[in-house]
Amino acid sequence: MRPRHHDPLARLTPREREVLESMAQGLTNQAIAAALTVSERAVEKHIGNIFTKLDLPPSDTHHRRVSAVLRLKG
């Protein structure tokens, strides 16, 4: 097991972790917003932060949402 300071998931806030776990369940942004009682815009911001913290830049060849979930599962 890698030390925690090398784990990109350790950089996520508790709310970002909740959003990522909801993404892993296959929920849409709208469904995540409803479940967490926040706006869709807030969910979008959290997802953007997740992508940044997990070093997932925009890509024409990879789906960032899937890549983020795979890091959670990995």
N, C-alpha and C. Protein backbone atom coordinates (compact mmCIF):
# COMPACT_ATOMS: atom_id res chain seq x y z
N MET A 1 0.84 -1.19 0.00
CA MET A 1 0.00 0.00 0.00
C MET A 1 0.88 1.25 0.00
N ARG A 2 0.54 2.20 -0.86
CA ARG A 2 1.31 3.43 -0.97
C ARG A 2 1.02 4.34 0.23
N PRO A 3 2.01 5.13 0.63
CA PRO A 3 1.74 6.10 1.68
C PRO A 3 0.63 7.05 1.26
N ARG A 4 -0.15 7.50 2.21
CA ARG A 4 -1.31 8.33 1.94
C ARG A 4 -0.96 9.62 1.19
N HIS A 5 0.19 10.21 1.46
CA HIS A 5 0.54 11.48 0.81
C HIS A 5 0.79 11.31 -0.68
N HIS A 6 0.96 10.08 -1.16
CA HIS A 6 1.13 9.83 -2.58
C HIS A 6 -0.18 9.42 -3.25
N ASP A 7 -1.24 9.31 -2.47
CA ASP A 7 -2.53 8.88 -2.98
C ASP A 7 -3.34 10.09 -3.41
N PRO A 8 -3.59 10.25 -4.73
CA PRO A 8 -4.36 11.42 -5.19
C PRO A 8 -5.75 11.49 -4.57
N LEU A 9 -6.33 10.36 -4.21
CA LEU A 9 -7.66 10.38 -3.60
C LEU A 9 -7.64 11.07 -2.24
N ALA A 10 -6.49 11.06 -1.59
CA ALA A 10 -6.36 11.71 -0.28
C ALA A 10 -6.52 13.23 -0.39
N ARG A 11 -6.35 13.77 -1.60
CA ARG A 11 -6.49 15.22 -1.81
C ARG A 11 -7.95 15.65 -1.91
N LEU A 12 -8.86 14.69 -2.08
CA LEU A 12 -10.27 15.03 -2.22
C LEU A 12 -10.88 15.41 -0.89
N THR A 13 -11.78 16.40 -0.93
CA THR A 13 -12.54 16.74 0.27
C THR A 13 -13.58 15.65 0.52
N PRO A 14 -14.14 15.60 1.71
CA PRO A 14 -15.21 14.61 1.95
C PRO A 14 -16.37 14.74 0.96
N ARG A 15 -16.75 15.96 0.59
CA ARG A 15 -17.85 16.15 -0.35
C ARG A 15 -17.45 15.66 -1.75
N GLU A 16 -16.22 15.95 -2.16
CA GLU A 16 -15.76 15.47 -3.46
C GLU A 16 -15.74 13.94 -3.48
N ARG A 17 -15.37 13.36 -2.37
CA ARG A 17 -15.36 11.88 -2.26
C ARG A 17 -16.79 11.35 -2.40
N GLU A 18 -17.77 12.03 -1.77
CA GLU A 18 -19.18 11.62 -1.90
C GLU A 18 -19.63 11.71 -3.36
N VAL A 19 -19.24 12.78 -4.02
CA VAL A 19 -19.61 12.96 -5.43
C VAL A 19 -18.98 11.86 -6.27
N LEU A 20 -17.71 11.56 -6.04
CA LEU A 20 -17.04 10.51 -6.80
C LEU A 20 -17.69 9.15 -6.55
N GLU A 21 -18.05 8.87 -5.32
CA GLU A 21 -18.72 7.61 -5.01
C GLU A 21 -20.09 7.53 -5.69
N SER A 22 -20.78 8.66 -5.78
CA SER A 22 -22.07 8.70 -6.48
C SER A 22 -21.87 8.47 -7.97
N MET A 23 -20.80 9.04 -8.52
CA MET A 23 -20.47 8.81 -9.92
C MET A 23 -20.22 7.32 -10.16
N ALA A 24 -19.55 6.68 -9.20
CA ALA A 24 -19.24 5.26 -9.32
C ALA A 24 -20.51 4.40 -9.31
N GLN A 25 -21.57 4.94 -8.72
CA GLN A 25 -22.85 4.23 -8.71
C GLN A 25 -23.62 4.47 -10.00
N GLY A 26 -23.07 5.30 -10.88
CA GLY A 26 -23.69 5.57 -12.17
C GLY A 26 -24.70 6.69 -12.15
N LEU A 27 -24.72 7.49 -11.08
CA LEU A 27 -25.69 8.58 -10.99
C LEU A 27 -25.32 9.74 -11.91
N THR A 28 -26.33 10.39 -12.45
CA THR A 28 -26.14 11.59 -13.24
C THR A 28 -25.86 12.77 -12.31
N ASN A 29 -25.40 13.88 -12.89
CA ASN A 29 -25.19 15.07 -12.07
C ASN A 29 -26.48 15.49 -11.38
N GLN A 30 -27.60 15.41 -12.09
CA GLN A 30 -28.89 15.78 -11.51
C GLN A 30 -29.22 14.87 -10.32
N ALA A 31 -29.00 13.58 -10.46
CA ALA A 31 -29.29 12.65 -9.38
C ALA A 31 -28.35 12.85 -8.19
N ILE A 32 -27.09 13.16 -8.48
CA ILE A 32 -26.13 13.44 -7.40
C ILE A 32 -26.57 14.69 -6.64
N ALA A 33 -26.96 15.72 -7.37
CA ALA A 33 -27.40 16.97 -6.74
C ALA A 33 -28.60 16.71 -5.83
N ALA A 34 -29.55 15.93 -6.30
CA ALA A 34 -30.73 15.63 -5.49
C ALA A 34 -30.36 14.82 -4.25
N ALA A 35 -29.49 13.84 -4.41
CA ALA A 35 -29.10 12.99 -3.28
C ALA A 35 -28.33 13.77 -2.21
N LEU A 36 -27.53 14.73 -2.66
CA LEU A 36 -26.70 15.50 -1.71
C LEU A 36 -27.32 16.84 -1.34
N THR A 37 -28.50 17.10 -1.87
CA THR A 37 -29.24 18.36 -1.67
C THR A 37 -28.36 19.59 -1.93
N VAL A 38 -27.75 19.58 -3.12
CA VAL A 38 -26.98 20.72 -3.60
C VAL A 38 -27.43 20.99 -5.03
N SER A 39 -26.97 22.09 -5.60
CA SER A 39 -27.33 22.42 -6.98
C SER A 39 -26.51 21.58 -7.96
N GLU A 40 -27.02 21.47 -9.17
CA GLU A 40 -26.25 20.78 -10.21
C GLU A 40 -24.95 21.51 -10.48
N ARG A 41 -24.98 22.82 -10.39
CA ARG A 41 -23.77 23.62 -10.61
C ARG A 41 -22.72 23.26 -9.56
N ALA A 42 -23.14 23.06 -8.31
CA ALA A 42 -22.20 22.66 -7.26
C ALA A 42 -21.59 21.30 -7.58
N VAL A 43 -22.41 20.38 -8.07
CA VAL A 43 -21.91 19.06 -8.46
C VAL A 43 -20.89 19.21 -9.58
N GLU A 44 -21.19 20.04 -10.57
CA GLU A 44 -20.26 20.26 -11.68
C GLU A 44 -18.93 20.81 -11.17
N LYS A 45 -18.97 21.72 -10.21
CA LYS A 45 -17.75 22.28 -9.64
C LYS A 45 -16.96 21.20 -8.91
N HIS A 46 -17.66 20.37 -8.15
CA HIS A 46 -16.99 19.28 -7.43
C HIS A 46 -16.32 18.32 -8.42
N ILE A 47 -17.02 18.00 -9.49
CA ILE A 47 -16.47 17.08 -10.49
C ILE A 47 -15.24 17.70 -11.15
N GLY A 48 -15.30 18.99 -11.45
CA GLY A 48 -14.13 19.68 -12.00
C GLY A 48 -12.95 19.61 -11.05
N ASN A 49 -13.21 19.82 -9.76
CA ASN A 49 -12.15 19.73 -8.75
C ASN A 49 -11.59 18.31 -8.68
N ILE A 50 -12.46 17.32 -8.77
CA ILE A 50 -12.02 15.92 -8.75
C ILE A 50 -11.09 15.66 -9.92
N PHE A 51 -11.48 16.09 -11.11
CA PHE A 51 -10.64 15.88 -12.30
C PHE A 51 -9.28 16.55 -12.11
N THR A 52 -9.28 17.74 -11.57
CA THR A 52 -8.02 18.47 -11.35
C THR A 52 -7.15 17.73 -10.34
N LYS A 53 -7.72 17.37 -9.21
CA LYS A 53 -6.95 16.73 -8.14
C LYS A 53 -6.45 15.34 -8.53
N LEU A 54 -7.17 14.67 -9.43
CA LEU A 54 -6.74 13.35 -9.88
C LEU A 54 -5.91 13.42 -11.16
N ASP A 55 -5.54 14.64 -11.56
CA ASP A 55 -4.72 14.86 -12.75
C ASP A 55 -5.34 14.22 -13.99
N LEU A 56 -6.61 14.55 -14.23
CA LEU A 56 -7.34 14.04 -15.39
C LEU A 56 -7.73 15.20 -16.31
N PRO A 57 -6.80 15.60 -17.19
CA PRO A 57 -7.10 16.70 -18.11
C PRO A 57 -8.09 16.26 -19.19
N PRO A 58 -8.73 17.21 -19.85
CA PRO A 58 -9.62 16.85 -20.96
C PRO A 58 -8.87 16.00 -21.98
N SER A 59 -9.58 15.06 -22.57
CA SER A 59 -8.95 14.13 -23.52
C SER A 59 -9.95 13.74 -24.60
N ASP A 60 -9.45 13.57 -25.80
CA ASP A 60 -10.27 13.07 -26.90
C ASP A 60 -10.36 11.55 -26.90
N THR A 61 -9.51 10.91 -26.10
CA THR A 61 -9.45 9.45 -26.14
C THR A 61 -9.92 8.76 -24.86
N HIS A 62 -10.07 9.52 -23.77
CA HIS A 62 -10.48 8.93 -22.50
C HIS A 62 -11.65 9.70 -21.90
N HIS A 63 -12.55 8.98 -21.28
CA HIS A 63 -13.67 9.59 -20.59
C HIS A 63 -13.24 9.86 -19.15
N ARG A 64 -13.11 11.13 -18.79
CA ARG A 64 -12.59 11.49 -17.46
C ARG A 64 -13.44 10.95 -16.33
N ARG A 65 -14.74 10.91 -16.52
CA ARG A 65 -15.63 10.41 -15.47
C ARG A 65 -15.33 8.94 -15.17
N VAL A 66 -15.15 8.16 -16.22
CA VAL A 66 -14.81 6.73 -16.05
C VAL A 66 -13.42 6.61 -15.42
N SER A 67 -12.47 7.38 -15.90
CA SER A 67 -11.11 7.33 -15.35
C SER A 67 -11.09 7.66 -13.86
N ALA A 68 -11.89 8.64 -13.45
CA ALA A 68 -11.94 9.01 -12.03
C ALA A 68 -12.51 7.87 -11.20
N VAL A 69 -13.57 7.25 -11.69
CA VAL A 69 -14.19 6.14 -10.97
C VAL A 69 -13.22 4.96 -10.87
N LEU A 70 -12.48 4.70 -11.93
CA LEU A 70 -11.50 3.61 -11.90
C LEU A 70 -10.43 3.85 -10.86
N ARG A 71 -10.06 5.08 -10.64
CA ARG A 71 -9.07 5.40 -9.58
C ARG A 71 -9.65 5.12 -8.21
N LEU A 72 -10.93 5.36 -8.06
CA LEU A 72 -11.59 5.07 -6.79
C LEU A 72 -11.58 3.57 -6.53
N LYS A 73 -11.82 2.80 -7.56
CA LYS A 73 -11.91 1.34 -7.45
C LYS A 73 -10.54 0.69 -7.38
N GLY A 74 -9.51 1.41 -7.87
CA GLY A 74 -8.17 0.83 -7.96
C GLY A 74 -7.48 0.85 -6.66
